[in-house]
Amino acid sequence: MLNHNTYFDGNVQSVGFVRNSLKASVGVIAPGEYHFGTAAAERMTVVSGTLQAKLPEGDWQQYPAGTSFEVAANSGFDVRAVGGPAAYLCEYLCG
């Protein structure tokens, strides 16, 4: 079953699903800066556009389409879309 979620007054939209017994979501982030908390470890892959991410205890890094970053469970990260909307695939790394 598909699960639609809206965050930050509609600026982030995602559709969740299960693939190979693991949860995942695909979505679009409008230009702006947002903070996400993580319960499970995640891998974020940029599908289109460019995201900048600030991981825990790190500096802002740029991630163009085709690149990814991972975030530990029970933490969080800041993200911003630059130059327009960015699309992503988020894979939750544990069941």
Protein backbone atom coordinates (compact mmCIF):
# COMPACT_ATOMS: atom_id res chain seq x y z
CA MET A 1 0.00 0.00 0.00
CA LEU A 2 1.16 3.54 -0.72
CA ASN A 3 1.35 6.14 2.02
CA HIS A 4 1.28 9.87 1.17
CA ASN A 5 2.89 12.31 3.62
CA THR A 6 3.11 16.10 3.58
CA TYR A 7 5.60 18.07 5.68
CA PHE A 8 6.54 21.71 6.23
CA ASP A 9 3.32 23.29 4.95
CA GLY A 10 3.39 21.20 1.77
CA ASN A 11 7.01 22.00 0.86
CA VAL A 12 8.03 18.35 1.24
CA GLN A 13 5.83 15.61 -0.22
CA SER A 14 6.56 11.90 -0.03
CA VAL A 15 5.01 8.57 -0.94
CA GLY A 16 6.00 5.65 1.27
CA PHE A 17 6.05 2.00 0.23
CA VAL A 18 7.64 -1.34 1.13
CA ARG A 19 10.22 -2.94 -1.18
CA ASN A 20 12.15 -6.16 -0.43
CA SER A 21 10.60 -6.12 3.06
CA LEU A 22 12.15 -2.70 3.80
CA LYS A 23 10.38 0.63 4.06
CA ALA A 24 11.23 3.37 1.57
CA SER A 25 9.81 6.65 0.33
CA VAL A 26 10.17 8.84 -2.72
CA GLY A 27 9.47 12.51 -2.68
CA VAL A 28 10.13 16.08 -3.67
CA ILE A 29 11.63 18.88 -1.58
CA ALA A 30 10.83 22.49 -2.54
CA PRO A 31 13.58 25.10 -2.18
CA GLY A 32 14.07 25.91 1.49
CA GLU A 33 15.76 24.50 4.58
CA TYR A 34 14.24 21.69 6.65
CA HIS A 35 15.18 19.50 9.62
CA PHE A 36 14.28 15.80 9.77
CA GLY A 37 14.60 13.49 12.76
CA THR A 38 15.41 9.83 12.19
CA ALA A 39 14.14 6.83 14.14
CA ALA A 40 15.73 4.26 11.80
CA ALA A 41 18.98 4.54 9.87
CA GLU A 42 18.35 6.02 6.39
CA ARG A 43 20.03 6.30 3.02
CA MET A 44 18.94 9.34 1.02
CA THR A 45 19.64 9.21 -2.72
CA VAL A 46 19.11 12.35 -4.78
CA VAL A 47 17.15 11.41 -7.90
CA SER A 48 16.82 14.85 -9.50
CA GLY A 49 18.17 18.30 -8.68
CA THR A 50 20.62 19.06 -5.89
CA LEU A 51 20.34 18.77 -2.13
CA GLN A 52 22.64 20.18 0.50
CA ALA A 53 22.70 18.22 3.74
CA LYS A 54 24.17 18.86 7.15
CA LEU A 55 24.58 15.57 8.97
CA PRO A 56 25.06 15.33 12.74
CA GLU A 57 28.33 16.97 13.76
CA GLY A 58 29.15 17.77 10.15
CA ASP A 59 29.21 20.70 7.76
CA TRP A 60 26.94 21.37 4.80
CA GLN A 61 27.76 19.08 1.86
CA GLN A 62 26.31 19.18 -1.65
CA TYR A 63 24.66 16.10 -3.18
CA PRO A 64 23.76 16.30 -6.88
CA ALA A 65 21.50 13.78 -8.62
CA GLY A 66 22.89 10.26 -8.44
CA THR A 67 24.64 10.70 -5.09
CA SER A 68 23.54 9.64 -1.61
CA PHE A 69 24.23 10.03 2.08
CA GLU A 70 23.40 7.96 5.14
CA VAL A 71 22.06 9.08 8.51
CA ALA A 72 22.26 7.07 11.73
CA ALA A 73 19.18 5.96 13.64
CA ASN A 74 17.89 8.19 16.44
CA SER A 75 19.55 11.31 15.07
CA GLY A 76 18.58 13.91 12.50
CA PHE A 77 19.81 16.04 9.64
CA ASP A 78 19.19 19.37 7.95
CA VAL A 79 18.54 19.51 4.22
CA ARG A 80 17.93 22.21 1.67
CA ALA A 81 17.08 22.10 -2.02
CA VAL A 82 19.16 24.50 -4.09
CA GLY A 83 18.40 25.87 -7.55
CA GLY A 84 14.87 24.45 -7.59
CA PRO A 85 13.00 21.41 -6.29
CA ALA A 86 14.89 18.16 -5.68
CA ALA A 87 13.57 14.60 -5.78
CA TYR A 88 14.83 11.83 -3.52
CA LEU A 89 14.59 8.16 -2.63
CA CYS A 90 14.82 7.43 1.11
CA GLU A 91 15.60 3.84 2.08
CA TYR A 92 15.21 2.80 5.71
CA LEU A 93 18.15 0.54 6.43
CA CYS A 94 16.50 -1.82 8.92
CA GLY A 95 13.14 -3.58 9.07
